[in-house]
């Protein structure tokens, strides 16, 4: 229980963020599982719909997924008729991936599930507080400057 933790730990922003993130992740994973999906399925379908057909390597970069997770996730989506892979016309060694009509419908259903989880996670905040919170979270996201600093 959080009450048993030392006060100095309970008040650390990093601790609070990690606890909130763990809860949000758990709620999202449970809700997606109830819809027969996982997080990487949602990420892959969203990227394919938003950015169009592409090869698996680019798709992995766009979704921040490991190559093996992309391959497994796409195999699962393809087996269910939600995505389709063809030889890439620009490079026969690669596969070009696209979302199917069934995948688009499934993604719309998942968007509702994910939206409901967002509401559940943020239910204690007013609409104005949500906007402020999202603005602050956006400002805390890693930037190219952060990556450059770590590389030096």
C-alpha atoms as a PDB file:
ATOM      1  CA  UNK A   1       0.000   0.000   0.000  1.00  0.00           C
ATOM      2  CA  UNK A   2       1.150   3.504  -0.775  1.00  0.00           C
ATOM      3  CA  UNK A   3       0.393   4.662   2.761  1.00  0.00           C
ATOM      4  CA  UNK A   4       3.127   2.337   4.071  1.00  0.00           C
ATOM      5  CA  UNK A   5       5.798   3.932   1.886  1.00  0.00           C
ATOM      6  CA  UNK A   6       8.134   6.530   3.347  1.00  0.00           C
ATOM      7  CA  UNK A   7       6.836  10.056   2.803  1.00  0.00           C
ATOM      8  CA  UNK A   8       9.905  11.070   0.791  1.00  0.00           C
ATOM      9  CA  UNK A   9       9.226   8.265  -1.684  1.00  0.00           C
ATOM     10  CA  UNK A  10       5.488   9.011  -1.977  1.00  0.00           C
ATOM     11  CA  UNK A  11       6.201  12.630  -2.903  1.00  0.00           C
ATOM     12  CA  UNK A  12       8.773  11.965  -5.624  1.00  0.00           C
ATOM     13  CA  UNK A  13       7.406  12.924  -9.048  1.00  0.00           C
ATOM     14  CA  UNK A  14       9.228   9.979 -10.611  1.00  0.00           C
ATOM     15  CA  UNK A  15       7.547   7.591  -8.163  1.00  0.00           C
ATOM     16  CA  UNK A  16       4.100   9.081  -8.745  1.00  0.00           C
ATOM     17  CA  UNK A  17       4.531   9.037 -12.527  1.00  0.00           C
ATOM     18  CA  UNK A  18       5.669   5.411 -12.519  1.00  0.00           C
ATOM     19  CA  UNK A  19       2.731   4.368 -10.310  1.00  0.00           C
ATOM     20  CA  UNK A  20       0.234   6.203 -12.517  1.00  0.00           C
ATOM     21  CA  UNK A  21       1.831   4.731 -15.640  1.00  0.00           C
ATOM     22  CA  UNK A  22       1.700   1.202 -14.214  1.00  0.00           C
ATOM     23  CA  UNK A  23      -2.009   1.598 -13.402  1.00  0.00           C
ATOM     24  CA  UNK A  24      -2.771   3.060 -16.834  1.00  0.00           C
ATOM     25  CA  UNK A  25      -0.848   0.270 -18.557  1.00  0.00           C
ATOM     26  CA  UNK A  26      -2.690  -2.399 -16.548  1.00  0.00           C
ATOM     27  CA  UNK A  27      -6.109  -0.913 -17.326  1.00  0.00           C
ATOM     28  CA  UNK A  28      -5.273  -0.589 -21.021  1.00  0.00           C
ATOM     29  CA  UNK A  29      -3.866  -4.116 -21.293  1.00  0.00           C
ATOM     30  CA  UNK A  30      -6.963  -5.556 -19.595  1.00  0.00           C
ATOM     31  CA  UNK A  31      -9.360  -3.596 -21.805  1.00  0.00           C
ATOM     32  CA  UNK A  32      -7.507  -4.565 -24.992  1.00  0.00           C
ATOM     33  CA  UNK A  33      -7.402  -8.209 -23.905  1.00  0.00           C
ATOM     34  CA  UNK A  34     -11.179  -8.103 -23.440  1.00  0.00           C
ATOM     35  CA  UNK A  35     -11.330  -7.039 -27.104  1.00  0.00           C
ATOM     36  CA  UNK A  36      -8.969  -9.842 -28.175  1.00  0.00           C
ATOM     37  CA  UNK A  37      -6.120  -7.420 -28.830  1.00  0.00           C
ATOM     38  CA  UNK A  38      -2.823  -6.307 -27.368  1.00  0.00           C
ATOM     39  CA  UNK A  39      -1.056  -2.973 -27.315  1.00  0.00           C
ATOM     40  CA  UNK A  40       1.166  -3.746 -30.273  1.00  0.00           C
ATOM     41  CA  UNK A  41      -1.862  -4.658 -32.393  1.00  0.00           C
ATOM     42  CA  UNK A  42      -3.325  -1.225 -31.720  1.00  0.00           C
ATOM     43  CA  UNK A  43      -0.035   0.534 -32.445  1.00  0.00           C
ATOM     44  CA  UNK A  44       0.506  -1.334 -35.710  1.00  0.00           C
ATOM     45  CA  UNK A  45      -3.030  -0.803 -37.006  1.00  0.00           C
ATOM     46  CA  UNK A  46      -3.027   2.875 -35.988  1.00  0.00           C
ATOM     47  CA  UNK A  47       0.268   3.502 -37.790  1.00  0.00           C
ATOM     48  CA  UNK A  48      -0.926   1.697 -40.914  1.00  0.00           C
ATOM     49  CA  UNK A  49      -4.175   3.651 -41.015  1.00  0.00           C
ATOM     50  CA  UNK A  50      -2.615   7.020 -40.213  1.00  0.00           C
ATOM     51  CA  UNK A  51       0.468   6.745 -42.404  1.00  0.00           C
ATOM     52  CA  UNK A  52      -0.517   4.272 -45.107  1.00  0.00           C
ATOM     53  CA  UNK A  53       1.136   1.135 -46.441  1.00  0.00           C
ATOM     54  CA  UNK A  54       4.807   0.730 -45.650  1.00  0.00           C
ATOM     55  CA  UNK A  55       7.458  -1.909 -45.118  1.00  0.00           C
ATOM     56  CA  UNK A  56       7.951  -3.712 -41.822  1.00  0.00           C
ATOM     57  CA  UNK A  57      11.191  -1.901 -40.966  1.00  0.00           C
ATOM     58  CA  UNK A  58       9.616   1.544 -41.277  1.00  0.00           C
ATOM     59  CA  UNK A  59       6.540   0.320 -39.408  1.00  0.00           C
ATOM     60  CA  UNK A  60       8.755  -0.792 -36.522  1.00  0.00           C
ATOM     61  CA  UNK A  61      10.347   2.654 -36.337  1.00  0.00           C
ATOM     62  CA  UNK A  62       6.982   4.427 -36.497  1.00  0.00           C
ATOM     63  CA  UNK A  63       5.572   2.338 -33.654  1.00  0.00           C
ATOM     64  CA  UNK A  64       8.751   2.069 -31.550  1.00  0.00           C
ATOM     65  CA  UNK A  65       8.414  -1.713 -31.647  1.00  0.00           C
ATOM     66  CA  UNK A  66      11.201  -4.247 -31.867  1.00  0.00           C
ATOM     67  CA  UNK A  67      11.575  -6.042 -35.211  1.00  0.00           C
ATOM     68  CA  UNK A  68      10.473  -9.374 -33.736  1.00  0.00           C
ATOM     69  CA  UNK A  69       7.384  -7.781 -32.108  1.00  0.00           C
ATOM     70  CA  UNK A  70       6.454  -6.253 -35.462  1.00  0.00           C
ATOM     71  CA  UNK A  71       6.817  -9.607 -37.220  1.00  0.00           C
ATOM     72  CA  UNK A  72       4.785 -11.506 -34.600  1.00  0.00           C
ATOM     73  CA  UNK A  73       2.131  -8.791 -34.354  1.00  0.00           C
ATOM     74  CA  UNK A  74       1.732  -8.592 -38.120  1.00  0.00           C
ATOM     75  CA  UNK A  75       1.481 -12.367 -38.422  1.00  0.00           C
ATOM     76  CA  UNK A  76      -1.350 -12.308 -35.864  1.00  0.00           C
ATOM     77  CA  UNK A  77      -3.099  -9.418 -37.613  1.00  0.00           C
ATOM     78  CA  UNK A  78      -2.689 -11.031 -41.024  1.00  0.00           C
ATOM     79  CA  UNK A  79      -4.047 -14.352 -39.754  1.00  0.00           C
ATOM     80  CA  UNK A  80      -7.166 -12.509 -38.569  1.00  0.00           C
ATOM     81  CA  UNK A  81      -7.540 -10.629 -41.864  1.00  0.00           C
ATOM     82  CA  UNK A  82      -6.783  -7.253 -40.260  1.00  0.00           C
ATOM     83  CA  UNK A  83      -3.595  -6.527 -42.203  1.00  0.00           C
ATOM     84  CA  UNK A  84      -2.080  -7.789 -45.428  1.00  0.00           C
ATOM     85  CA  UNK A  85       1.547  -8.205 -46.500  1.00  0.00           C
ATOM     86  CA  UNK A  86       2.747  -8.202 -50.116  1.00  0.00           C
ATOM     87  CA  UNK A  87       6.210  -8.058 -51.632  1.00  0.00           C
ATOM     88  CA  UNK A  88       7.450  -4.469 -51.620  1.00  0.00           C
ATOM     89  CA  UNK A  89       7.513  -3.263 -55.249  1.00  0.00           C
ATOM     90  CA  UNK A  90      10.621  -1.173 -54.501  1.00  0.00           C
ATOM     91  CA  UNK A  91      12.548  -3.990 -52.783  1.00  0.00           C
ATOM     92  CA  UNK A  92      11.529  -7.608 -53.308  1.00  0.00           C
ATOM     93  CA  UNK A  93      13.357  -8.658 -50.140  1.00  0.00           C
ATOM     94  CA  UNK A  94      10.928  -6.681 -48.007  1.00  0.00           C
ATOM     95  CA  UNK A  95       7.231  -6.921 -47.289  1.00  0.00           C
ATOM     96  CA  UNK A  96       4.860  -4.006 -47.760  1.00  0.00           C
ATOM     97  CA  UNK A  97       2.124  -3.967 -45.125  1.00  0.00           C
ATOM     98  CA  UNK A  98      -1.314  -2.402 -45.307  1.00  0.00           C
ATOM     99  CA  UNK A  99      -4.421  -2.375 -43.170  1.00  0.00           C
ATOM    100  CA  UNK A 100      -7.491  -4.166 -44.529  1.00  0.00           C
ATOM    101  CA  UNK A 101     -11.095  -2.963 -44.377  1.00  0.00           C
ATOM    102  CA  UNK A 102     -11.675  -5.394 -41.501  1.00  0.00           C
ATOM    103  CA  UNK A 103      -8.582  -3.949 -39.809  1.00  0.00           C
ATOM    104  CA  UNK A 104      -9.977  -0.438 -40.168  1.00  0.00           C
ATOM    105  CA  UNK A 105     -13.259  -1.507 -38.548  1.00  0.00           C
ATOM    106  CA  UNK A 106     -11.417  -3.331 -35.752  1.00  0.00           C
ATOM    107  CA  UNK A 107      -9.221  -0.280 -35.146  1.00  0.00           C
ATOM    108  CA  UNK A 108     -12.337   1.900 -34.812  1.00  0.00           C
ATOM    109  CA  UNK A 109     -13.604  -0.507 -32.144  1.00  0.00           C
ATOM    110  CA  UNK A 110     -10.228  -0.400 -30.389  1.00  0.00           C
ATOM    111  CA  UNK A 111     -10.248   3.414 -30.524  1.00  0.00           C
ATOM    112  CA  UNK A 112     -13.439   3.320 -28.440  1.00  0.00           C
ATOM    113  CA  UNK A 113     -11.853   0.883 -25.960  1.00  0.00           C
ATOM    114  CA  UNK A 114      -8.704   3.002 -25.673  1.00  0.00           C
ATOM    115  CA  UNK A 115     -10.778   6.174 -25.304  1.00  0.00           C
ATOM    116  CA  UNK A 116     -12.763   4.628 -22.455  1.00  0.00           C
ATOM    117  CA  UNK A 117      -9.512   3.744 -20.692  1.00  0.00           C
ATOM    118  CA  UNK A 118      -8.274   7.322 -21.082  1.00  0.00           C
ATOM    119  CA  UNK A 119     -11.482   8.513 -19.440  1.00  0.00           C
ATOM    120  CA  UNK A 120     -11.083   5.993 -16.626  1.00  0.00           C
ATOM    121  CA  UNK A 121      -7.466   6.965 -15.980  1.00  0.00           C
ATOM    122  CA  UNK A 122      -8.242  10.694 -15.952  1.00  0.00           C
ATOM    123  CA  UNK A 123     -11.726  10.576 -14.399  1.00  0.00           C
ATOM    124  CA  UNK A 124     -10.672  12.576 -11.316  1.00  0.00           C
ATOM    125  CA  UNK A 125      -9.598  15.546 -13.427  1.00  0.00           C
ATOM    126  CA  UNK A 126     -11.843  18.280 -14.779  1.00  0.00           C
ATOM    127  CA  UNK A 127     -11.705  18.963 -18.535  1.00  0.00           C
ATOM    128  CA  UNK A 128      -9.438  21.980 -17.895  1.00  0.00           C
ATOM    129  CA  UNK A 129      -7.165  19.922 -15.638  1.00  0.00           C
ATOM    130  CA  UNK A 130      -6.971  17.228 -18.317  1.00  0.00           C
ATOM    131  CA  UNK A 131      -5.850  19.774 -20.913  1.00  0.00           C
ATOM    132  CA  UNK A 132      -3.231  21.132 -18.520  1.00  0.00           C
ATOM    133  CA  UNK A 133      -2.085  17.635 -17.560  1.00  0.00           C
ATOM    134  CA  UNK A 134      -1.724  16.592 -21.205  1.00  0.00           C
ATOM    135  CA  UNK A 135       0.188  19.777 -21.982  1.00  0.00           C
ATOM    136  CA  UNK A 136       2.579  19.103 -19.106  1.00  0.00           C
ATOM    137  CA  UNK A 137       3.030  15.447 -20.118  1.00  0.00           C
ATOM    138  CA  UNK A 138       3.779  16.563 -23.669  1.00  0.00           C
ATOM    139  CA  UNK A 139       6.480  18.874 -22.367  1.00  0.00           C
ATOM    140  CA  UNK A 140       8.021  15.977 -20.388  1.00  0.00           C
ATOM    141  CA  UNK A 141       8.335  13.702 -23.427  1.00  0.00           C
ATOM    142  CA  UNK A 142      11.867  12.934 -24.651  1.00  0.00           C
ATOM    143  CA  UNK A 143      13.153  15.237 -27.358  1.00  0.00           C
ATOM    144  CA  UNK A 144      15.907  15.050 -29.951  1.00  0.00           C
ATOM    145  CA  UNK A 145      17.982  17.270 -27.627  1.00  0.00           C
ATOM    146  CA  UNK A 146      17.697  14.621 -24.879  1.00  0.00           C
ATOM    147  CA  UNK A 147      18.985  11.921 -27.241  1.00  0.00           C
ATOM    148  CA  UNK A 148      21.877  14.133 -28.322  1.00  0.00           C
ATOM    149  CA  UNK A 149      22.844  14.834 -24.711  1.00  0.00           C
ATOM    150  CA  UNK A 150      22.836  11.117 -23.873  1.00  0.00           C
ATOM    151  CA  UNK A 151      25.035  10.349 -26.888  1.00  0.00           C
ATOM    152  CA  UNK A 152      27.795  12.699 -25.738  1.00  0.00           C
END
